[in-house]
Amino acid sequence: MIDFLKRLLMLLSGLSAAPAKSEPVLEVRPEPTLEITPEPVTMGDEGQKVLKYFEQCRLKAYWDATGKVWTIGWGHTGPDVYEGLVITQARADQLLRDRLAREFVPGVLGAVTCSMAQHELDAMVDLAYNIGVVAFAGSTLVRKFNAGDAAGAADEFPRWNKSGGQVLLGLRRRRAANRALFLGASGDAAIKIGVAVT
């Protein structure tokens, strides 16, 4: 009788008594947690290494490779760039951050309809920065990538090697670096691959 009263008191107080041998014991297991890698939403450091290496920051306005467009900083162009313009390094860095955030990263994210890794985004943003968002969005590279053909997309980078209708060694090198970055190389390794192109 005392055992019965003890069990009853424990039950009433919210505590459970040890289960009888005939009662089944339920094992509670924690819910599994999923580790989800978030989609990249900006250009990473490795991509910026490649972009900055090939753009080469210049603080005084200069003509681009075609001799038709005034350029300054990290390849910044536009109506605010004119002959004789000089800027600081801080201004050049800010112009790059602003254009990546406002124009090029959103342009790539808007054109690509499937998941991508950071290194793939980085390579595609650098390409778009160099050729323009409109050309990038309409490219075979984007069509192949969106169709799930990442290898085919990687092979499209070398095709973007012309400026003003002429093949340029600097663009051949940059595209080799873009392709390597797209395939997973670090920024430094991608630059070495690009520089090795002759």
C-alpha atoms as a PDB file:
ATOM      1  CA  MET A   1       0.000   0.000   0.000  1.00  0.00           C
ATOM      2  CA  ILE A   2       2.848   2.420   0.788  1.00  0.00           C
ATOM      3  CA  ASP A   3       4.404   1.762  -2.621  1.00  0.00           C
ATOM      4  CA  PHE A   4       1.060   2.479  -4.263  1.00  0.00           C
ATOM      5  CA  LEU A   5       0.735   5.814  -2.414  1.00  0.00           C
ATOM      6  CA  LYS A   6       4.308   6.817  -3.288  1.00  0.00           C
ATOM      7  CA  ARG A   7       3.667   6.129  -6.983  1.00  0.00           C
ATOM      8  CA  LEU A   8       0.391   8.026  -6.847  1.00  0.00           C
ATOM      9  CA  LEU A   9       2.026  11.062  -5.201  1.00  0.00           C
ATOM     10  CA  MET A  10       4.840  11.063  -7.772  1.00  0.00           C
ATOM     11  CA  LEU A  11       2.348  10.836 -10.599  1.00  0.00           C
ATOM     12  CA  LEU A  12       0.279  13.687  -9.194  1.00  0.00           C
ATOM     13  CA  SER A  13       3.326  15.888  -8.699  1.00  0.00           C
ATOM     14  CA  GLY A  14       4.319  15.507 -12.366  1.00  0.00           C
ATOM     15  CA  LEU A  15       7.145  13.073 -11.749  1.00  0.00           C
ATOM     16  CA  SER A  16       7.055   9.662 -13.278  1.00  0.00           C
ATOM     17  CA  ALA A  17       7.856   6.567 -11.358  1.00  0.00           C
ATOM     18  CA  ALA A  18      10.168   4.014 -12.770  1.00  0.00           C
ATOM     19  CA  PRO A  19       8.232   2.033 -15.356  1.00  0.00           C
ATOM     20  CA  ALA A  20       7.105  -1.454 -14.509  1.00  0.00           C
ATOM     21  CA  LYS A  21       8.775  -4.215 -16.407  1.00  0.00           C
ATOM     22  CA  SER A  22       5.673  -4.829 -18.475  1.00  0.00           C
ATOM     23  CA  GLU A  23       5.377  -1.189 -19.647  1.00  0.00           C
ATOM     24  CA  PRO A  24       7.182  -0.324 -22.915  1.00  0.00           C
ATOM     25  CA  VAL A  25       9.940   2.279 -22.634  1.00  0.00           C
ATOM     26  CA  LEU A  26       9.848   5.006 -25.284  1.00  0.00           C
ATOM     27  CA  GLU A  27      13.199   6.392 -26.330  1.00  0.00           C
ATOM     28  CA  VAL A  28      13.105  10.050 -27.305  1.00  0.00           C
ATOM     29  CA  ARG A  29      15.662  10.989 -29.924  1.00  0.00           C
ATOM     30  CA  PRO A  30      16.506  14.569 -30.845  1.00  0.00           C
ATOM     31  CA  GLU A  31      15.349  15.798 -34.234  1.00  0.00           C
ATOM     32  CA  PRO A  32      18.152  15.722 -36.821  1.00  0.00           C
ATOM     33  CA  THR A  33      19.452  19.144 -37.759  1.00  0.00           C
ATOM     34  CA  LEU A  34      20.164  20.050 -41.347  1.00  0.00           C
ATOM     35  CA  GLU A  35      23.237  22.072 -42.142  1.00  0.00           C
ATOM     36  CA  ILE A  36      22.276  24.302 -45.014  1.00  0.00           C
ATOM     37  CA  THR A  37      24.866  26.352 -46.815  1.00  0.00           C
ATOM     38  CA  PRO A  38      23.298  29.693 -47.646  1.00  0.00           C
ATOM     39  CA  GLU A  39      23.288  30.891 -51.215  1.00  0.00           C
ATOM     40  CA  PRO A  40      26.030  33.436 -51.902  1.00  0.00           C
ATOM     41  CA  VAL A  41      24.682  36.966 -52.124  1.00  0.00           C
ATOM     42  CA  THR A  42      27.819  39.000 -52.782  1.00  0.00           C
ATOM     43  CA  MET A  43      31.194  38.654 -54.450  1.00  0.00           C
ATOM     44  CA  GLY A  44      33.642  36.902 -52.140  1.00  0.00           C
ATOM     45  CA  ASP A  45      37.223  37.794 -51.326  1.00  0.00           C
ATOM     46  CA  GLU A  46      38.685  35.222 -53.737  1.00  0.00           C
ATOM     47  CA  GLY A  47      36.693  36.682 -56.623  1.00  0.00           C
ATOM     48  CA  GLN A  48      37.731  40.203 -55.712  1.00  0.00           C
ATOM     49  CA  LYS A  49      41.393  39.128 -55.762  1.00  0.00           C
ATOM     50  CA  VAL A  50      40.986  38.069 -59.391  1.00  0.00           C
ATOM     51  CA  LEU A  51      38.994  41.165 -60.358  1.00  0.00           C
ATOM     52  CA  LYS A  52      41.490  43.549 -58.735  1.00  0.00           C
ATOM     53  CA  TYR A  53      44.510  41.761 -60.171  1.00  0.00           C
ATOM     54  CA  PHE A  54      43.261  42.097 -63.732  1.00  0.00           C
ATOM     55  CA  GLU A  55      41.669  45.534 -63.413  1.00  0.00           C
ATOM     56  CA  GLN A  56      44.712  47.142 -61.752  1.00  0.00           C
ATOM     57  CA  CYS A  57      43.656  50.230 -59.826  1.00  0.00           C
ATOM     58  CA  ARG A  58      44.572  53.543 -61.426  1.00  0.00           C
ATOM     59  CA  LEU A  59      43.747  56.765 -59.626  1.00  0.00           C
ATOM     60  CA  LYS A  60      43.954  59.016 -62.690  1.00  0.00           C
ATOM     61  CA  ALA A  61      41.436  58.681 -65.547  1.00  0.00           C
ATOM     62  CA  TYR A  62      42.723  56.755 -68.568  1.00  0.00           C
ATOM     63  CA  TRP A  63      41.403  55.396 -71.870  1.00  0.00           C
ATOM     64  CA  ASP A  64      40.296  51.761 -71.780  1.00  0.00           C
ATOM     65  CA  ALA A  65      41.931  49.112 -74.030  1.00  0.00           C
ATOM     66  CA  THR A  66      39.789  50.196 -76.992  1.00  0.00           C
ATOM     67  CA  GLY A  67      40.751  53.847 -76.529  1.00  0.00           C
ATOM     68  CA  LYS A  68      37.067  54.835 -76.429  1.00  0.00           C
ATOM     69  CA  VAL A  69      36.005  54.902 -72.765  1.00  0.00           C
ATOM     70  CA  TRP A  70      37.387  56.956 -69.889  1.00  0.00           C
ATOM     71  CA  THR A  71      38.128  54.645 -66.971  1.00  0.00           C
ATOM     72  CA  ILE A  72      39.378  55.106 -63.399  1.00  0.00           C
ATOM     73  CA  GLY A  73      39.944  53.139 -60.193  1.00  0.00           C
ATOM     74  CA  TRP A  74      39.210  49.427 -60.487  1.00  0.00           C
ATOM     75  CA  GLY A  75      37.883  49.683 -64.057  1.00  0.00           C
ATOM     76  CA  HIS A  76      35.104  52.146 -63.193  1.00  0.00           C
ATOM     77  CA  THR A  77      33.462  53.819 -66.203  1.00  0.00           C
ATOM     78  CA  GLY A  78      30.527  56.141 -66.647  1.00  0.00           C
ATOM     79  CA  PRO A  79      29.557  59.769 -67.143  1.00  0.00           C
ATOM     80  CA  ASP A  80      31.325  60.710 -63.903  1.00  0.00           C
ATOM     81  CA  VAL A  81      34.724  59.737 -65.405  1.00  0.00           C
ATOM     82  CA  TYR A  82      36.432  62.330 -67.592  1.00  0.00           C
ATOM     83  CA  GLU A  83      39.878  63.370 -68.751  1.00  0.00           C
ATOM     84  CA  GLY A  84      42.028  64.716 -65.930  1.00  0.00           C
ATOM     85  CA  LEU A  85      39.931  63.179 -63.117  1.00  0.00           C
ATOM     86  CA  VAL A  86      41.979  62.040 -60.123  1.00  0.00           C
ATOM     87  CA  ILE A  87      40.548  60.108 -57.148  1.00  0.00           C
ATOM     88  CA  THR A  88      41.849  58.629 -53.902  1.00  0.00           C
ATOM     89  CA  GLN A  89      42.351  54.933 -53.205  1.00  0.00           C
ATOM     90  CA  ALA A  90      39.448  55.066 -50.735  1.00  0.00           C
ATOM     91  CA  ARG A  91      37.194  56.504 -53.463  1.00  0.00           C
ATOM     92  CA  ALA A  92      38.313  53.819 -55.948  1.00  0.00           C
ATOM     93  CA  ASP A  93      37.514  51.085 -53.418  1.00  0.00           C
ATOM     94  CA  GLN A  94      34.112  52.637 -52.667  1.00  0.00           C
ATOM     95  CA  LEU A  95      33.235  52.892 -56.379  1.00  0.00           C
ATOM     96  CA  LEU A  96      34.014  49.190 -56.766  1.00  0.00           C
ATOM     97  CA  ARG A  97      31.920  48.173 -53.738  1.00  0.00           C
ATOM     98  CA  ASP A  98      29.007  50.347 -54.887  1.00  0.00           C
ATOM     99  CA  ARG A  99      28.956  49.019 -58.449  1.00  0.00           C
ATOM    100  CA  LEU A 100      29.291  45.403 -57.362  1.00  0.00           C
ATOM    101  CA  ALA A 101      26.409  45.788 -54.898  1.00  0.00           C
ATOM    102  CA  ARG A 102      24.168  47.897 -57.130  1.00  0.00           C
ATOM    103  CA  GLU A 103      24.810  46.533 -60.596  1.00  0.00           C
ATOM    104  CA  PHE A 104      26.943  43.449 -61.096  1.00  0.00           C
ATOM    105  CA  VAL A 105      26.045  41.052 -58.282  1.00  0.00           C
ATOM    106  CA  PRO A 106      22.288  41.704 -58.729  1.00  0.00           C
ATOM    107  CA  GLY A 107      22.747  41.377 -62.500  1.00  0.00           C
ATOM    108  CA  VAL A 108      24.312  37.940 -62.169  1.00  0.00           C
ATOM    109  CA  LEU A 109      21.832  36.793 -59.525  1.00  0.00           C
ATOM    110  CA  GLY A 110      18.992  37.949 -61.782  1.00  0.00           C
ATOM    111  CA  ALA A 111      20.304  36.034 -64.795  1.00  0.00           C
ATOM    112  CA  VAL A 112      21.134  32.784 -63.024  1.00  0.00           C
ATOM    113  CA  THR A 113      18.116  30.664 -62.137  1.00  0.00           C
ATOM    114  CA  CYS A 114      19.756  27.789 -60.266  1.00  0.00           C
ATOM    115  CA  SER A 115      21.852  27.316 -57.154  1.00  0.00           C
ATOM    116  CA  MET A 116      25.515  28.203 -57.336  1.00  0.00           C
ATOM    117  CA  ALA A 117      28.590  28.013 -55.158  1.00  0.00           C
ATOM    118  CA  GLN A 118      30.510  31.109 -54.061  1.00  0.00           C
ATOM    119  CA  HIS A 119      33.377  30.431 -56.499  1.00  0.00           C
ATOM    120  CA  GLU A 120      30.904  30.163 -59.390  1.00  0.00           C
ATOM    121  CA  LEU A 121      29.242  33.450 -58.452  1.00  0.00           C
ATOM    122  CA  ASP A 122      32.642  35.123 -58.091  1.00  0.00           C
ATOM    123  CA  ALA A 123      33.772  34.055 -61.557  1.00  0.00           C
ATOM    124  CA  MET A 124      30.501  35.087 -63.181  1.00  0.00           C
ATOM    125  CA  VAL A 125      30.479  38.486 -61.438  1.00  0.00           C
ATOM    126  CA  ASP A 126      34.025  39.169 -62.651  1.00  0.00           C
ATOM    127  CA  LEU A 127      32.986  38.271 -66.183  1.00  0.00           C
ATOM    128  CA  ALA A 128      29.907  40.498 -65.963  1.00  0.00           C
ATOM    129  CA  TYR A 129      32.032  43.336 -64.534  1.00  0.00           C
ATOM    130  CA  ASN A 130      34.289  43.063 -67.566  1.00  0.00           C
ATOM    131  CA  ILE A 131      31.735  42.537 -70.366  1.00  0.00           C
ATOM    132  CA  GLY A 132      28.600  44.140 -68.907  1.00  0.00           C
ATOM    133  CA  VAL A 133      25.478  42.675 -67.351  1.00  0.00           C
ATOM    134  CA  VAL A 134      23.439  42.663 -70.580  1.00  0.00           C
ATOM    135  CA  ALA A 135      26.074  40.686 -72.503  1.00  0.00           C
ATOM    136  CA  PHE A 136      26.495  38.333 -69.558  1.00  0.00           C
ATOM    137  CA  ALA A 137      22.744  37.710 -69.149  1.00  0.00           C
ATOM    138  CA  GLY A 138      22.360  36.856 -72.842  1.00  0.00           C
ATOM    139  CA  SER A 139      25.396  34.592 -72.999  1.00  0.00           C
ATOM    140  CA  THR A 140      25.595  30.898 -73.808  1.00  0.00           C
ATOM    141  CA  LEU A 141      27.514  30.549 -70.551  1.00  0.00           C
ATOM    142  CA  VAL A 142      24.407  31.558 -68.587  1.00  0.00           C
ATOM    143  CA  ARG A 143      22.141  29.325 -70.678  1.00  0.00           C
ATOM    144  CA  LYS A 144      24.382  26.310 -70.085  1.00  0.00           C
ATOM    145  CA  PHE A 145      24.742  26.993 -66.375  1.00  0.00           C
ATOM    146  CA  ASN A 146      20.978  27.408 -65.945  1.00  0.00           C
ATOM    147  CA  ALA A 147      20.477  24.113 -67.779  1.00  0.00           C
ATOM    148  CA  GLY A 148      22.701  22.358 -65.220  1.00  0.00           C
ATOM    149  CA  ASP A 149      25.744  22.109 -67.493  1.00  0.00           C
ATOM    150  CA  ALA A 150      28.425  23.660 -65.251  1.00  0.00           C
ATOM    151  CA  ALA A 151      31.269  22.066 -67.249  1.00  0.00           C
ATOM    152  CA  GLY A 152      29.877  23.527 -70.470  1.00  0.00           C
ATOM    153  CA  ALA A 153      29.498  26.907 -68.780  1.00  0.00           C
ATOM    154  CA  ALA A 154      33.140  26.771 -67.640  1.00  0.00           C
ATOM    155  CA  ASP A 155      34.215  26.166 -71.235  1.00  0.00           C
ATOM    156  CA  GLU A 156      32.438  29.356 -72.334  1.00  0.00           C
ATOM    157  CA  PHE A 157      34.725  31.704 -70.375  1.00  0.00           C
ATOM    158  CA  PRO A 158      37.613  31.622 -72.907  1.00  0.00           C
ATOM    159  CA  ARG A 159      35.268  32.810 -75.670  1.00  0.00           C
ATOM    160  CA  TRP A 160      35.081  36.276 -74.054  1.00  0.00           C
ATOM    161  CA  ASN A 161      38.602  37.265 -75.081  1.00  0.00           C
ATOM    162  CA  LYS A 162      37.989  40.186 -77.474  1.00  0.00           C
ATOM    163  CA  SER A 163      37.753  43.934 -77.135  1.00  0.00           C
ATOM    164  CA  GLY A 164      36.936  46.063 -80.133  1.00  0.00           C
ATOM    165  CA  GLY A 165      36.889  42.872 -82.237  1.00  0.00           C
ATOM    166  CA  GLN A 166      40.500  41.993 -81.384  1.00  0.00           C
ATOM    167  CA  VAL A 167      41.724  39.123 -79.215  1.00  0.00           C
ATOM    168  CA  LEU A 168      43.737  40.572 -76.340  1.00  0.00           C
ATOM    169  CA  LEU A 169      46.292  38.647 -74.293  1.00  0.00           C
ATOM    170  CA  GLY A 170      45.077  40.350 -71.113  1.00  0.00           C
ATOM    171  CA  LEU A 171      41.534  39.083 -71.736  1.00  0.00           C
ATOM    172  CA  ARG A 172      42.753  35.584 -72.572  1.00  0.00           C
ATOM    173  CA  ARG A 173      44.581  35.557 -69.239  1.00  0.00           C
ATOM    174  CA  ARG A 174      41.617  36.915 -67.325  1.00  0.00           C
ATOM    175  CA  ARG A 175      39.235  34.383 -68.858  1.00  0.00           C
ATOM    176  CA  ALA A 176      41.594  31.526 -67.957  1.00  0.00           C
ATOM    177  CA  ALA A 177      41.612  32.847 -64.384  1.00  0.00           C
ATOM    178  CA  ASN A 178      37.806  33.168 -64.416  1.00  0.00           C
ATOM    179  CA  ARG A 179      37.434  29.595 -65.613  1.00  0.00           C
ATOM    180  CA  ALA A 180      39.808  28.286 -62.935  1.00  0.00           C
ATOM    181  CA  LEU A 181      37.984  30.266 -60.239  1.00  0.00           C
ATOM    182  CA  PHE A 182      34.626  28.982 -61.520  1.00  0.00           C
ATOM    183  CA  LEU A 183      35.915  25.415 -61.223  1.00  0.00           C
ATOM    184  CA  GLY A 184      36.939  25.973 -57.597  1.00  0.00           C
ATOM    185  CA  ALA A 185      40.507  27.329 -57.617  1.00  0.00           C
ATOM    186  CA  SER A 186      41.436  29.944 -55.027  1.00  0.00           C
ATOM    187  CA  GLY A 187      41.912  33.511 -56.201  1.00  0.00           C
ATOM    188  CA  ASP A 188      45.715  33.201 -56.045  1.00  0.00           C
ATOM    189  CA  ALA A 189      45.733  29.893 -57.916  1.00  0.00           C
ATOM    190  CA  ALA A 190      43.357  31.269 -60.565  1.00  0.00           C
ATOM    191  CA  ILE A 191      45.601  34.309 -61.092  1.00  0.00           C
ATOM    192  CA  LYS A 192      48.642  32.033 -61.555  1.00  0.00           C
ATOM    193  CA  ILE A 193      46.737  29.993 -64.138  1.00  0.00           C
ATOM    194  CA  GLY A 194      45.729  33.164 -65.961  1.00  0.00           C
ATOM    195  CA  VAL A 195      49.198  34.710 -65.931  1.00  0.00           C
ATOM    196  CA  ALA A 196      50.660  31.497 -67.397  1.00  0.00           C
ATOM    197  CA  VAL A 197      48.658  32.003 -70.616  1.00  0.00           C
ATOM    198  CA  THR A 198      50.942  33.197 -73.435  1.00  0.00           C
END
